[in-house]
Amino acid sequence: MQNAAQAYSTTAKQTVAPREREASLLIKAAAQLQNNQDNAIEDRSSLRSALHYNRKLWTVLVTSATQPENPLPLPIKNNIASLGVFIFRHTMEVLARPEPQKLKVLISINKEIAAGLRSQ
């Protein structure tokens, strides 16, 4: 059963459109953050893991979007870069002083970007 699930997962990764894959990863990161918010950050290890995953994801998104060969218009590239800087700074603030309500903005951004990717 597990082999079948792994095969399906591998095939799905290969056949999913890049925008849908990005949207799914953003929703996954938002869900991890939401879980920590819902549980009032009871487990600092879980919070660090969720924030680390989100930061890695945004590092890849920002790096990819701002590459010279990326066909996105320059204003969109700049907006993504600015959003990434905000996310990185806010992540550091959450790590320094963890409070559940601080996760709301990261969750909201991920969900909104994912919705935008899916609507195109």
C-alpha atoms as a PDB file:
ATOM      1  CA  MET A   1       0.000   0.000   0.000  1.00  0.00           C
ATOM      2  CA  GLN A   2       2.773   2.428   0.901  1.00  0.00           C
ATOM      3  CA  ASN A   3       4.603   1.679  -2.368  1.00  0.00           C
ATOM      4  CA  ALA A   4       1.451   2.537  -4.306  1.00  0.00           C
ATOM      5  CA  ALA A   5       1.106   5.817  -2.416  1.00  0.00           C
ATOM      6  CA  GLN A   6       4.739   6.686  -3.117  1.00  0.00           C
ATOM      7  CA  ALA A   7       4.326   5.868  -6.811  1.00  0.00           C
ATOM      8  CA  TYR A   8       1.212   8.035  -6.992  1.00  0.00           C
ATOM      9  CA  SER A   9       2.999  10.886  -5.219  1.00  0.00           C
ATOM     10  CA  THR A  10       5.965  10.676  -7.587  1.00  0.00           C
ATOM     11  CA  THR A  11       3.698  10.626 -10.638  1.00  0.00           C
ATOM     12  CA  ALA A  12       1.632  13.516  -9.324  1.00  0.00           C
ATOM     13  CA  LYS A  13       4.761  15.593  -8.789  1.00  0.00           C
ATOM     14  CA  GLN A  14       5.810  14.955 -12.374  1.00  0.00           C
ATOM     15  CA  THR A  15       2.439  15.747 -13.953  1.00  0.00           C
ATOM     16  CA  VAL A  16       1.248  18.734 -11.889  1.00  0.00           C
ATOM     17  CA  ALA A  17       1.615  22.146 -13.527  1.00  0.00           C
ATOM     18  CA  PRO A  18       4.282  24.342 -11.878  1.00  0.00           C
ATOM     19  CA  ARG A  19       1.755  26.934 -10.666  1.00  0.00           C
ATOM     20  CA  GLU A  20      -0.419  24.251  -9.089  1.00  0.00           C
ATOM     21  CA  ARG A  21       2.645  22.704  -7.430  1.00  0.00           C
ATOM     22  CA  GLU A  22       3.651  26.103  -6.013  1.00  0.00           C
ATOM     23  CA  ALA A  23       0.106  26.699  -4.785  1.00  0.00           C
ATOM     24  CA  SER A  24       0.014  23.272  -3.104  1.00  0.00           C
ATOM     25  CA  LEU A  25       3.320  23.911  -1.348  1.00  0.00           C
ATOM     26  CA  LEU A  26       2.116  27.308  -0.114  1.00  0.00           C
ATOM     27  CA  ILE A  27      -1.057  25.715   1.241  1.00  0.00           C
ATOM     28  CA  LYS A  28       1.019  23.002   2.938  1.00  0.00           C
ATOM     29  CA  ALA A  29       3.176  25.681   4.615  1.00  0.00           C
ATOM     30  CA  ALA A  30       0.061  27.635   5.627  1.00  0.00           C
ATOM     31  CA  ALA A  31      -1.453  24.488   7.152  1.00  0.00           C
ATOM     32  CA  GLN A  32       1.678  23.856   9.218  1.00  0.00           C
ATOM     33  CA  LEU A  33       1.650  27.455  10.461  1.00  0.00           C
ATOM     34  CA  GLN A  34      -2.099  27.271  11.128  1.00  0.00           C
ATOM     35  CA  ASN A  35      -1.622  24.135  13.202  1.00  0.00           C
ATOM     36  CA  ASN A  36       0.867  25.990  15.392  1.00  0.00           C
ATOM     37  CA  GLN A  37      -1.445  28.971  15.697  1.00  0.00           C
ATOM     38  CA  ASP A  38      -4.423  26.771  16.593  1.00  0.00           C
ATOM     39  CA  ASN A  39      -2.381  25.016  19.278  1.00  0.00           C
ATOM     40  CA  ALA A  40      -1.127  28.307  20.739  1.00  0.00           C
ATOM     41  CA  ILE A  41       2.444  27.382  19.820  1.00  0.00           C
ATOM     42  CA  GLU A  42       2.612  24.618  22.415  1.00  0.00           C
ATOM     43  CA  ASP A  43       5.584  22.965  20.719  1.00  0.00           C
ATOM     44  CA  ARG A  44       8.444  25.329  19.855  1.00  0.00           C
ATOM     45  CA  SER A  45      10.111  22.615  17.802  1.00  0.00           C
ATOM     46  CA  SER A  46       7.015  22.330  15.620  1.00  0.00           C
ATOM     47  CA  LEU A  47       6.908  26.109  15.226  1.00  0.00           C
ATOM     48  CA  ARG A  48      10.569  26.283  14.209  1.00  0.00           C
ATOM     49  CA  SER A  49      10.018  23.467  11.730  1.00  0.00           C
ATOM     50  CA  ALA A  50       6.969  25.168  10.178  1.00  0.00           C
ATOM     51  CA  LEU A  51       8.750  28.522   9.943  1.00  0.00           C
ATOM     52  CA  HIS A  52      11.848  26.885   8.472  1.00  0.00           C
ATOM     53  CA  TYR A  53       9.760  25.115   5.827  1.00  0.00           C
ATOM     54  CA  ASN A  54       7.955  28.343   4.957  1.00  0.00           C
ATOM     55  CA  ARG A  55      11.222  30.289   4.751  1.00  0.00           C
ATOM     56  CA  LYS A  56      12.822  27.655   2.502  1.00  0.00           C
ATOM     57  CA  LEU A  57       9.763  27.665   0.264  1.00  0.00           C
ATOM     58  CA  TRP A  58       9.806  31.454  -0.018  1.00  0.00           C
ATOM     59  CA  THR A  59      13.549  31.441  -0.687  1.00  0.00           C
ATOM     60  CA  VAL A  60      12.959  29.175  -3.678  1.00  0.00           C
ATOM     61  CA  LEU A  61       9.961  31.204  -4.887  1.00  0.00           C
ATOM     62  CA  VAL A  62      11.775  34.542  -4.632  1.00  0.00           C
ATOM     63  CA  THR A  63      14.956  33.198  -6.215  1.00  0.00           C
ATOM     64  CA  SER A  64      13.042  31.628  -9.088  1.00  0.00           C
ATOM     65  CA  ALA A  65      10.800  34.628  -9.703  1.00  0.00           C
ATOM     66  CA  THR A  66      13.621  37.162  -9.732  1.00  0.00           C
ATOM     67  CA  GLN A  67      15.939  35.319 -12.120  1.00  0.00           C
ATOM     68  CA  PRO A  68      16.742  37.357 -15.249  1.00  0.00           C
ATOM     69  CA  GLU A  69      15.415  34.573 -17.489  1.00  0.00           C
ATOM     70  CA  ASN A  70      12.062  34.484 -15.680  1.00  0.00           C
ATOM     71  CA  PRO A  71       9.456  35.974 -18.052  1.00  0.00           C
ATOM     72  CA  LEU A  72       7.504  37.771 -15.309  1.00  0.00           C
ATOM     73  CA  PRO A  73       7.236  41.529 -15.745  1.00  0.00           C
ATOM     74  CA  LEU A  74       9.727  43.528 -13.663  1.00  0.00           C
ATOM     75  CA  PRO A  75       7.062  45.092 -11.380  1.00  0.00           C
ATOM     76  CA  ILE A  76       5.814  41.613 -10.427  1.00  0.00           C
ATOM     77  CA  LYS A  77       9.372  40.407  -9.824  1.00  0.00           C
ATOM     78  CA  ASN A  78       9.936  43.412  -7.561  1.00  0.00           C
ATOM     79  CA  ASN A  79       6.689  42.785  -5.679  1.00  0.00           C
ATOM     80  CA  ILE A  80       7.614  39.152  -5.082  1.00  0.00           C
ATOM     81  CA  ALA A  81      11.081  40.159  -3.871  1.00  0.00           C
ATOM     82  CA  SER A  82       9.584  42.748  -1.492  1.00  0.00           C
ATOM     83  CA  LEU A  83       7.062  40.246  -0.200  1.00  0.00           C
ATOM     84  CA  GLY A  84       9.882  37.764   0.370  1.00  0.00           C
ATOM     85  CA  VAL A  85      11.861  40.318   2.380  1.00  0.00           C
ATOM     86  CA  PHE A  86       8.772  41.000   4.499  1.00  0.00           C
ATOM     87  CA  ILE A  87       8.228  37.282   5.083  1.00  0.00           C
ATOM     88  CA  PHE A  88      11.867  36.728   6.076  1.00  0.00           C
ATOM     89  CA  ARG A  89      11.800  39.649   8.530  1.00  0.00           C
ATOM     90  CA  HIS A  90       8.452  38.658  10.002  1.00  0.00           C
ATOM     91  CA  THR A  91       9.670  35.075  10.414  1.00  0.00           C
ATOM     92  CA  MET A  92      12.616  36.341  12.469  1.00  0.00           C
ATOM     93  CA  GLU A  93      10.223  38.377  14.631  1.00  0.00           C
ATOM     94  CA  VAL A  94       8.089  35.288  15.264  1.00  0.00           C
ATOM     95  CA  LEU A  95      11.145  33.244  16.156  1.00  0.00           C
ATOM     96  CA  ALA A  96      12.362  35.947  18.544  1.00  0.00           C
ATOM     97  CA  ARG A  97       8.985  36.390  20.258  1.00  0.00           C
ATOM     98  CA  PRO A  98       6.583  33.582  19.369  1.00  0.00           C
ATOM     99  CA  GLU A  99       2.935  34.561  19.623  1.00  0.00           C
ATOM    100  CA  PRO A 100       0.111  32.728  17.825  1.00  0.00           C
ATOM    101  CA  GLN A 101      -1.433  35.894  16.342  1.00  0.00           C
ATOM    102  CA  LYS A 102       1.855  36.722  14.583  1.00  0.00           C
ATOM    103  CA  LEU A 103       1.396  33.659  12.380  1.00  0.00           C
ATOM    104  CA  LYS A 104      -1.829  35.030  10.914  1.00  0.00           C
ATOM    105  CA  VAL A 105      -0.092  37.281   8.387  1.00  0.00           C
ATOM    106  CA  LEU A 106       2.148  34.484   7.080  1.00  0.00           C
ATOM    107  CA  ILE A 107      -0.821  32.138   6.769  1.00  0.00           C
ATOM    108  CA  SER A 108      -2.862  34.790   4.977  1.00  0.00           C
ATOM    109  CA  ILE A 109      -0.092  35.645   2.502  1.00  0.00           C
ATOM    110  CA  ASN A 110       0.471  31.994   1.617  1.00  0.00           C
ATOM    111  CA  LYS A 111      -3.237  31.360   1.090  1.00  0.00           C
ATOM    112  CA  GLU A 112      -3.724  34.496  -1.019  1.00  0.00           C
ATOM    113  CA  ILE A 113      -0.720  33.769  -3.246  1.00  0.00           C
ATOM    114  CA  ALA A 114      -1.864  30.155  -3.646  1.00  0.00           C
ATOM    115  CA  ALA A 115      -5.359  31.317  -4.632  1.00  0.00           C
ATOM    116  CA  GLY A 116      -3.836  33.688  -7.177  1.00  0.00           C
ATOM    117  CA  LEU A 117      -1.668  30.953  -8.655  1.00  0.00           C
ATOM    118  CA  ARG A 118      -4.669  28.666  -8.976  1.00  0.00           C
ATOM    119  CA  SER A 119      -6.850  31.288 -10.625  1.00  0.00           C
ATOM    120  CA  GLN A 120      -4.464  31.903 -13.499  1.00  0.00           C
END
